[in-house]
Amino acid sequence: MRREYARGTLAEADVDADPVVQFGRWFEQASQAGLLEPTAMTLATATPDGRPSARMVLLRGFDERGFCFYTNYESRKGAELAANPRAALVFWWDRLERQVRIEGPVAPTSRAESEAYFHSRPPGSQLGAAASPQSRVIDGRAPLERRVAELATGLTDGELPLPDFWGGYRLAHEVVEFWQGRPNRLHDRLRYRRAGEGWKIERLAP
């Protein structure tokens, strides 16, 4: 099962001083690499007493403010973020032999941002989000499908209102690490950390 990594290098002289700009470069390359879902990222959260959990979510935007994803606020991840509003993200782009890790505090996006994204989704996705009591135990699939049908029948103007329990989160990056696979497990790791108004770039041992 061993695999030798030899597709690229990562040097301090080649990266941007801003981790968001550097992420944008890598994300664009990942988007053009034929990956099944380049926006997929592992979201790790934890309870206040340190019990971790992780799951895959999709990146739905990033800028100097942070990295956004959307979900049910009453889900397990939502409950954990309400109690312990810090999280970590991990991207793994296998064809490029690259990984990005991001850590920082998390806060809900504005209602306007959540509404804009919710109504940009296909109608079926809107109905599914509104119908699902995410992370709760349910008695089979049939109740979900009935609830979707009820919501669809109840629409009068063709637009489903944004549920109060659904919306976005933004992780405000404090630490960003870029990882490039290299031969003999001597991988390149560059970590950005906040330093005043700018960023400090540090090389980590693989």
C-alpha atoms as a PDB file:
ATOM      1  CA  MET A   1       0.000   0.000   0.000  1.00  0.00           C
ATOM      2  CA  ARG A   2       3.003   2.327   0.066  1.00  0.00           C
ATOM      3  CA  ARG A   3       3.144   5.118  -2.442  1.00  0.00           C
ATOM      4  CA  GLU A   4       6.034   7.422  -3.261  1.00  0.00           C
ATOM      5  CA  TYR A   5       5.113  11.087  -3.582  1.00  0.00           C
ATOM      6  CA  ALA A   6       7.014  12.963  -6.267  1.00  0.00           C
ATOM      7  CA  ARG A   7       4.664  15.347  -8.067  1.00  0.00           C
ATOM      8  CA  GLY A   8       5.892  18.642  -6.666  1.00  0.00           C
ATOM      9  CA  THR A   9       7.797  20.724  -4.148  1.00  0.00           C
ATOM     10  CA  LEU A  10       6.882  23.524  -1.777  1.00  0.00           C
ATOM     11  CA  ALA A  11       9.478  26.217  -1.060  1.00  0.00           C
ATOM     12  CA  GLU A  12       9.204  29.407   0.955  1.00  0.00           C
ATOM     13  CA  ALA A  13      10.302  31.420  -2.076  1.00  0.00           C
ATOM     14  CA  ASP A  14       7.389  30.109  -4.130  1.00  0.00           C
ATOM     15  CA  VAL A  15       4.438  30.859  -1.835  1.00  0.00           C
ATOM     16  CA  ASP A  16       2.461  34.052  -1.348  1.00  0.00           C
ATOM     17  CA  ALA A  17       2.782  36.020   1.890  1.00  0.00           C
ATOM     18  CA  ASP A  18      -1.002  35.701   2.386  1.00  0.00           C
ATOM     19  CA  PRO A  19      -2.364  32.185   3.054  1.00  0.00           C
ATOM     20  CA  VAL A  20      -5.715  32.973   1.417  1.00  0.00           C
ATOM     21  CA  VAL A  21      -3.978  33.938  -1.825  1.00  0.00           C
ATOM     22  CA  GLN A  22      -1.851  30.798  -1.619  1.00  0.00           C
ATOM     23  CA  PHE A  23      -4.931  28.681  -0.921  1.00  0.00           C
ATOM     24  CA  GLY A  24      -6.634  30.239  -3.931  1.00  0.00           C
ATOM     25  CA  ARG A  25      -3.743  29.179  -6.156  1.00  0.00           C
ATOM     26  CA  TRP A  26      -3.854  25.604  -4.916  1.00  0.00           C
ATOM     27  CA  PHE A  27      -7.650  25.474  -5.004  1.00  0.00           C
ATOM     28  CA  GLU A  28      -7.675  26.591  -8.644  1.00  0.00           C
ATOM     29  CA  GLN A  29      -5.170  23.882  -9.518  1.00  0.00           C
ATOM     30  CA  ALA A  30      -7.224  21.303  -7.624  1.00  0.00           C
ATOM     31  CA  SER A  31     -10.367  22.441  -9.469  1.00  0.00           C
ATOM     32  CA  GLN A  32      -8.622  21.843 -12.797  1.00  0.00           C
ATOM     33  CA  ALA A  33      -7.081  18.489 -11.817  1.00  0.00           C
ATOM     34  CA  GLY A  34     -10.137  16.343 -12.507  1.00  0.00           C
ATOM     35  CA  LEU A  35     -10.854  15.596  -8.847  1.00  0.00           C
ATOM     36  CA  LEU A  36     -14.283  14.227  -8.010  1.00  0.00           C
ATOM     37  CA  GLU A  37     -14.996  16.988  -5.461  1.00  0.00           C
ATOM     38  CA  PRO A  38     -12.204  19.512  -4.856  1.00  0.00           C
ATOM     39  CA  THR A  39     -14.409  21.450  -2.414  1.00  0.00           C
ATOM     40  CA  ALA A  40     -14.712  18.448  -0.055  1.00  0.00           C
ATOM     41  CA  MET A  41     -13.080  19.014   3.316  1.00  0.00           C
ATOM     42  CA  THR A  42     -13.040  17.264   6.658  1.00  0.00           C
ATOM     43  CA  LEU A  43     -14.566  19.421   9.389  1.00  0.00           C
ATOM     44  CA  ALA A  44     -13.398  18.503  12.894  1.00  0.00           C
ATOM     45  CA  THR A  45     -15.258  19.812  15.932  1.00  0.00           C
ATOM     46  CA  ALA A  46     -15.181  18.915  19.622  1.00  0.00           C
ATOM     47  CA  THR A  47     -17.292  19.175  22.739  1.00  0.00           C
ATOM     48  CA  PRO A  48     -16.088  21.396  25.607  1.00  0.00           C
ATOM     49  CA  ASP A  49     -14.742  18.310  27.388  1.00  0.00           C
ATOM     50  CA  GLY A  50     -12.634  17.357  24.355  1.00  0.00           C
ATOM     51  CA  ARG A  51     -14.701  14.669  22.614  1.00  0.00           C
ATOM     52  CA  PRO A  52     -13.896  15.091  18.905  1.00  0.00           C
ATOM     53  CA  SER A  53     -15.969  14.321  15.836  1.00  0.00           C
ATOM     54  CA  ALA A  54     -15.289  14.758  12.143  1.00  0.00           C
ATOM     55  CA  ARG A  55     -17.228  14.613   8.895  1.00  0.00           C
ATOM     56  CA  MET A  56     -16.967  15.724   5.274  1.00  0.00           C
ATOM     57  CA  VAL A  57     -18.576  19.009   4.247  1.00  0.00           C
ATOM     58  CA  LEU A  58     -18.223  21.206   1.172  1.00  0.00           C
ATOM     59  CA  LEU A  59     -16.411  24.523   0.984  1.00  0.00           C
ATOM     60  CA  ARG A  60     -18.828  27.189  -0.213  1.00  0.00           C
ATOM     61  CA  GLY A  61     -16.602  30.240  -0.330  1.00  0.00           C
ATOM     62  CA  PHE A  62     -13.427  31.731   1.087  1.00  0.00           C
ATOM     63  CA  ASP A  63     -11.874  35.172   1.397  1.00  0.00           C
ATOM     64  CA  GLU A  64      -9.840  37.206   3.853  1.00  0.00           C
ATOM     65  CA  ARG A  65     -12.593  36.721   6.469  1.00  0.00           C
ATOM     66  CA  GLY A  66     -12.382  32.922   6.417  1.00  0.00           C
ATOM     67  CA  PHE A  67     -13.764  29.690   4.954  1.00  0.00           C
ATOM     68  CA  CYS A  68     -17.519  29.032   4.677  1.00  0.00           C
ATOM     69  CA  PHE A  69     -19.744  25.971   4.797  1.00  0.00           C
ATOM     70  CA  TYR A  70     -23.492  25.515   5.339  1.00  0.00           C
ATOM     71  CA  THR A  71     -25.442  23.069   7.467  1.00  0.00           C
ATOM     72  CA  ASN A  72     -28.249  22.491   9.948  1.00  0.00           C
ATOM     73  CA  TYR A  73     -27.540  24.511  13.095  1.00  0.00           C
ATOM     74  CA  GLU A  74     -29.269  21.795  15.170  1.00  0.00           C
ATOM     75  CA  SER A  75     -27.047  18.995  13.858  1.00  0.00           C
ATOM     76  CA  ARG A  76     -24.268  17.426  15.928  1.00  0.00           C
ATOM     77  CA  LYS A  77     -21.693  19.751  14.412  1.00  0.00           C
ATOM     78  CA  GLY A  78     -23.963  22.716  15.077  1.00  0.00           C
ATOM     79  CA  ALA A  79     -24.414  21.753  18.735  1.00  0.00           C
ATOM     80  CA  GLU A  80     -20.672  21.255  19.174  1.00  0.00           C
ATOM     81  CA  LEU A  81     -19.851  24.589  17.528  1.00  0.00           C
ATOM     82  CA  ALA A  82     -22.392  26.349  19.742  1.00  0.00           C
ATOM     83  CA  ALA A  83     -20.700  24.924  22.838  1.00  0.00           C
ATOM     84  CA  ASN A  84     -17.099  25.101  21.573  1.00  0.00           C
ATOM     85  CA  PRO A  85     -16.820  27.529  18.634  1.00  0.00           C
ATOM     86  CA  ARG A  86     -13.464  26.388  17.302  1.00  0.00           C
ATOM     87  CA  ALA A  87     -12.807  23.906  14.505  1.00  0.00           C
ATOM     88  CA  ALA A  88     -10.307  22.549  12.006  1.00  0.00           C
ATOM     89  CA  LEU A  89     -10.587  21.859   8.271  1.00  0.00           C
ATOM     90  CA  VAL A  90      -8.552  19.441   6.153  1.00  0.00           C
ATOM     91  CA  PHE A  91      -8.435  19.285   2.353  1.00  0.00           C
ATOM     92  CA  TRP A  92      -6.823  16.261   0.662  1.00  0.00           C
ATOM     93  CA  TRP A  93      -6.192  16.576  -3.072  1.00  0.00           C
ATOM     94  CA  ASP A  94      -4.728  13.181  -3.915  1.00  0.00           C
ATOM     95  CA  ARG A  95      -3.902  13.758  -7.579  1.00  0.00           C
ATOM     96  CA  LEU A  96      -1.742  16.710  -6.602  1.00  0.00           C
ATOM     97  CA  GLU A  97      -0.358  14.967  -3.495  1.00  0.00           C
ATOM     98  CA  ARG A  98      -1.379  17.981  -1.431  1.00  0.00           C
ATOM     99  CA  GLN A  99      -3.056  18.635   1.874  1.00  0.00           C
ATOM    100  CA  VAL A 100      -4.216  21.879   3.495  1.00  0.00           C
ATOM    101  CA  ARG A 101      -5.050  22.200   7.196  1.00  0.00           C
ATOM    102  CA  ILE A 102      -6.884  25.241   8.590  1.00  0.00           C
ATOM    103  CA  GLU A 103      -7.686  26.069  12.225  1.00  0.00           C
ATOM    104  CA  GLY A 104      -9.556  28.866  13.921  1.00  0.00           C
ATOM    105  CA  PRO A 105     -12.714  30.157  15.595  1.00  0.00           C
ATOM    106  CA  VAL A 106     -16.081  29.646  13.928  1.00  0.00           C
ATOM    107  CA  ALA A 107     -19.135  31.923  13.845  1.00  0.00           C
ATOM    108  CA  PRO A 108     -22.431  31.826  11.926  1.00  0.00           C
ATOM    109  CA  THR A 109     -22.645  33.792   8.704  1.00  0.00           C
ATOM    110  CA  SER A 110     -25.188  36.590   8.424  1.00  0.00           C
ATOM    111  CA  ARG A 111     -28.814  35.787   7.700  1.00  0.00           C
ATOM    112  CA  ALA A 112     -28.478  37.540   4.339  1.00  0.00           C
ATOM    113  CA  GLU A 113     -25.512  35.355   3.351  1.00  0.00           C
ATOM    114  CA  SER A 114     -27.351  32.207   4.401  1.00  0.00           C
ATOM    115  CA  GLU A 115     -30.484  33.186   2.478  1.00  0.00           C
ATOM    116  CA  ALA A 116     -28.486  33.989  -0.646  1.00  0.00           C
ATOM    117  CA  TYR A 117     -26.748  30.638  -0.605  1.00  0.00           C
ATOM    118  CA  PHE A 118     -29.883  28.674   0.334  1.00  0.00           C
ATOM    119  CA  HIS A 119     -31.830  30.100  -2.593  1.00  0.00           C
ATOM    120  CA  SER A 120     -28.948  29.452  -4.989  1.00  0.00           C
ATOM    121  CA  ARG A 121     -29.317  25.709  -4.365  1.00  0.00           C
ATOM    122  CA  PRO A 122     -31.487  23.418  -6.521  1.00  0.00           C
ATOM    123  CA  PRO A 123     -35.094  23.196  -5.260  1.00  0.00           C
ATOM    124  CA  GLY A 124     -34.637  19.572  -4.254  1.00  0.00           C
ATOM    125  CA  SER A 125     -31.644  20.444  -2.087  1.00  0.00           C
ATOM    126  CA  GLN A 126     -33.608  23.235  -0.413  1.00  0.00           C
ATOM    127  CA  LEU A 127     -36.466  20.847   0.360  1.00  0.00           C
ATOM    128  CA  GLY A 128     -34.100  18.193   1.660  1.00  0.00           C
ATOM    129  CA  ALA A 129     -32.382  20.649   3.997  1.00  0.00           C
ATOM    130  CA  ALA A 130     -35.699  21.950   5.314  1.00  0.00           C
ATOM    131  CA  ALA A 131     -37.151  18.473   5.821  1.00  0.00           C
ATOM    132  CA  SER A 132     -34.237  16.803   7.596  1.00  0.00           C
ATOM    133  CA  PRO A 133     -33.821  16.882  11.406  1.00  0.00           C
ATOM    134  CA  GLN A 134     -30.121  16.306  10.810  1.00  0.00           C
ATOM    135  CA  SER A 135     -28.242  13.979  13.168  1.00  0.00           C
ATOM    136  CA  ARG A 136     -31.400  12.869  15.002  1.00  0.00           C
ATOM    137  CA  VAL A 137     -32.679   9.277  15.128  1.00  0.00           C
ATOM    138  CA  ILE A 138     -35.582   8.753  12.704  1.00  0.00           C
ATOM    139  CA  ASP A 139     -37.970   5.881  11.971  1.00  0.00           C
ATOM    140  CA  GLY A 140     -36.822   5.067   8.466  1.00  0.00           C
ATOM    141  CA  ARG A 141     -36.701   7.017   5.229  1.00  0.00           C
ATOM    142  CA  ALA A 142     -40.439   7.273   4.644  1.00  0.00           C
ATOM    143  CA  PRO A 143     -41.049  10.124   7.135  1.00  0.00           C
ATOM    144  CA  LEU A 144     -38.357  12.193   5.419  1.00  0.00           C
ATOM    145  CA  GLU A 145     -39.907  11.667   2.004  1.00  0.00           C
ATOM    146  CA  ARG A 146     -43.371  12.536   3.348  1.00  0.00           C
ATOM    147  CA  ARG A 147     -42.025  15.739   4.862  1.00  0.00           C
ATOM    148  CA  VAL A 148     -40.372  16.715   1.571  1.00  0.00           C
ATOM    149  CA  ALA A 149     -43.678  16.117  -0.228  1.00  0.00           C
ATOM    150  CA  GLU A 150     -45.554  18.222   2.337  1.00  0.00           C
ATOM    151  CA  LEU A 151     -43.137  21.107   1.982  1.00  0.00           C
ATOM    152  CA  ALA A 152     -43.286  20.943  -1.805  1.00  0.00           C
ATOM    153  CA  THR A 153     -47.095  20.934  -1.767  1.00  0.00           C
ATOM    154  CA  GLY A 154     -47.195  23.881   0.625  1.00  0.00           C
ATOM    155  CA  LEU A 155     -45.168  26.185  -1.605  1.00  0.00           C
ATOM    156  CA  THR A 156     -47.310  29.013  -2.933  1.00  0.00           C
ATOM    157  CA  ASP A 157     -44.846  31.342  -4.639  1.00  0.00           C
ATOM    158  CA  GLY A 158     -42.286  28.770  -5.704  1.00  0.00           C
ATOM    159  CA  GLU A 159     -39.665  29.835  -3.136  1.00  0.00           C
ATOM    160  CA  LEU A 160     -39.029  27.979   0.083  1.00  0.00           C
ATOM    161  CA  PRO A 161     -38.251  30.271   3.050  1.00  0.00           C
ATOM    162  CA  LEU A 162     -34.874  29.730   4.703  1.00  0.00           C
ATOM    163  CA  PRO A 163     -35.473  27.608   7.815  1.00  0.00           C
ATOM    164  CA  ASP A 164     -34.396  29.248  11.069  1.00  0.00           C
ATOM    165  CA  PHE A 165     -32.319  26.167  11.891  1.00  0.00           C
ATOM    166  CA  TRP A 166     -30.236  26.214   8.704  1.00  0.00           C
ATOM    167  CA  GLY A 167     -27.429  28.465   7.558  1.00  0.00           C
ATOM    168  CA  GLY A 168     -23.733  29.071   7.216  1.00  0.00           C
ATOM    169  CA  TYR A 169     -20.600  29.117   9.320  1.00  0.00           C
ATOM    170  CA  ARG A 170     -17.346  30.907   8.689  1.00  0.00           C
ATOM    171  CA  LEU A 171     -14.056  29.626  10.092  1.00  0.00           C
ATOM    172  CA  ALA A 172     -11.718  32.578  10.640  1.00  0.00           C
ATOM    173  CA  HIS A 173      -8.297  31.131   9.833  1.00  0.00           C
ATOM    174  CA  GLU A 174      -5.627  31.626  12.471  1.00  0.00           C
ATOM    175  CA  VAL A 175      -3.354  28.787  11.315  1.00  0.00           C
ATOM    176  CA  VAL A 176      -3.046  27.447   7.752  1.00  0.00           C
ATOM    177  CA  GLU A 177      -0.664  24.648   6.809  1.00  0.00           C
ATOM    178  CA  PHE A 178       0.216  23.625   3.251  1.00  0.00           C
ATOM    179  CA  TRP A 179       1.585  20.093   2.764  1.00  0.00           C
ATOM    180  CA  GLN A 180       3.214  18.781  -0.404  1.00  0.00           C
ATOM    181  CA  GLY A 181       4.117  15.107  -0.677  1.00  0.00           C
ATOM    182  CA  ARG A 182       7.805  14.403  -1.333  1.00  0.00           C
ATOM    183  CA  PRO A 183       9.923  11.242  -1.820  1.00  0.00           C
ATOM    184  CA  ASN A 184      11.063   9.173   1.161  1.00  0.00           C
ATOM    185  CA  ARG A 185       8.397  10.764   3.372  1.00  0.00           C
ATOM    186  CA  LEU A 186      10.449  13.980   3.574  1.00  0.00           C
ATOM    187  CA  HIS A 187       7.329  16.016   2.814  1.00  0.00           C
ATOM    188  CA  ASP A 188       7.261  19.812   2.581  1.00  0.00           C
ATOM    189  CA  ARG A 189       5.158  21.528   5.256  1.00  0.00           C
ATOM    190  CA  LEU A 190       4.747  25.302   5.456  1.00  0.00           C
ATOM    191  CA  ARG A 191       2.627  26.769   8.231  1.00  0.00           C
ATOM    192  CA  TYR A 192       1.207  30.299   8.332  1.00  0.00           C
ATOM    193  CA  ARG A 193       0.499  31.806  11.754  1.00  0.00           C
ATOM    194  CA  ARG A 194      -0.878  35.235  12.609  1.00  0.00           C
ATOM    195  CA  ALA A 195       1.842  37.762  13.440  1.00  0.00           C
ATOM    196  CA  GLY A 196       0.283  41.138  14.158  1.00  0.00           C
ATOM    197  CA  GLU A 197      -1.441  42.329  10.998  1.00  0.00           C
ATOM    198  CA  GLY A 198       0.469  39.858   8.844  1.00  0.00           C
ATOM    199  CA  TRP A 199       1.556  36.230   8.766  1.00  0.00           C
ATOM    200  CA  LYS A 200       4.638  34.297   9.814  1.00  0.00           C
ATOM    201  CA  ILE A 201       5.638  31.370   7.583  1.00  0.00           C
ATOM    202  CA  GLU A 202       7.367  28.453   9.285  1.00  0.00           C
ATOM    203  CA  ARG A 203       8.699  25.177   7.893  1.00  0.00           C
ATOM    204  CA  LEU A 204       7.673  22.113   9.882  1.00  0.00           C
ATOM    205  CA  ALA A 205       9.459  18.770   9.970  1.00  0.00           C
ATOM    206  CA  PRO A 206       7.525  16.081   8.078  1.00  0.00           C
END
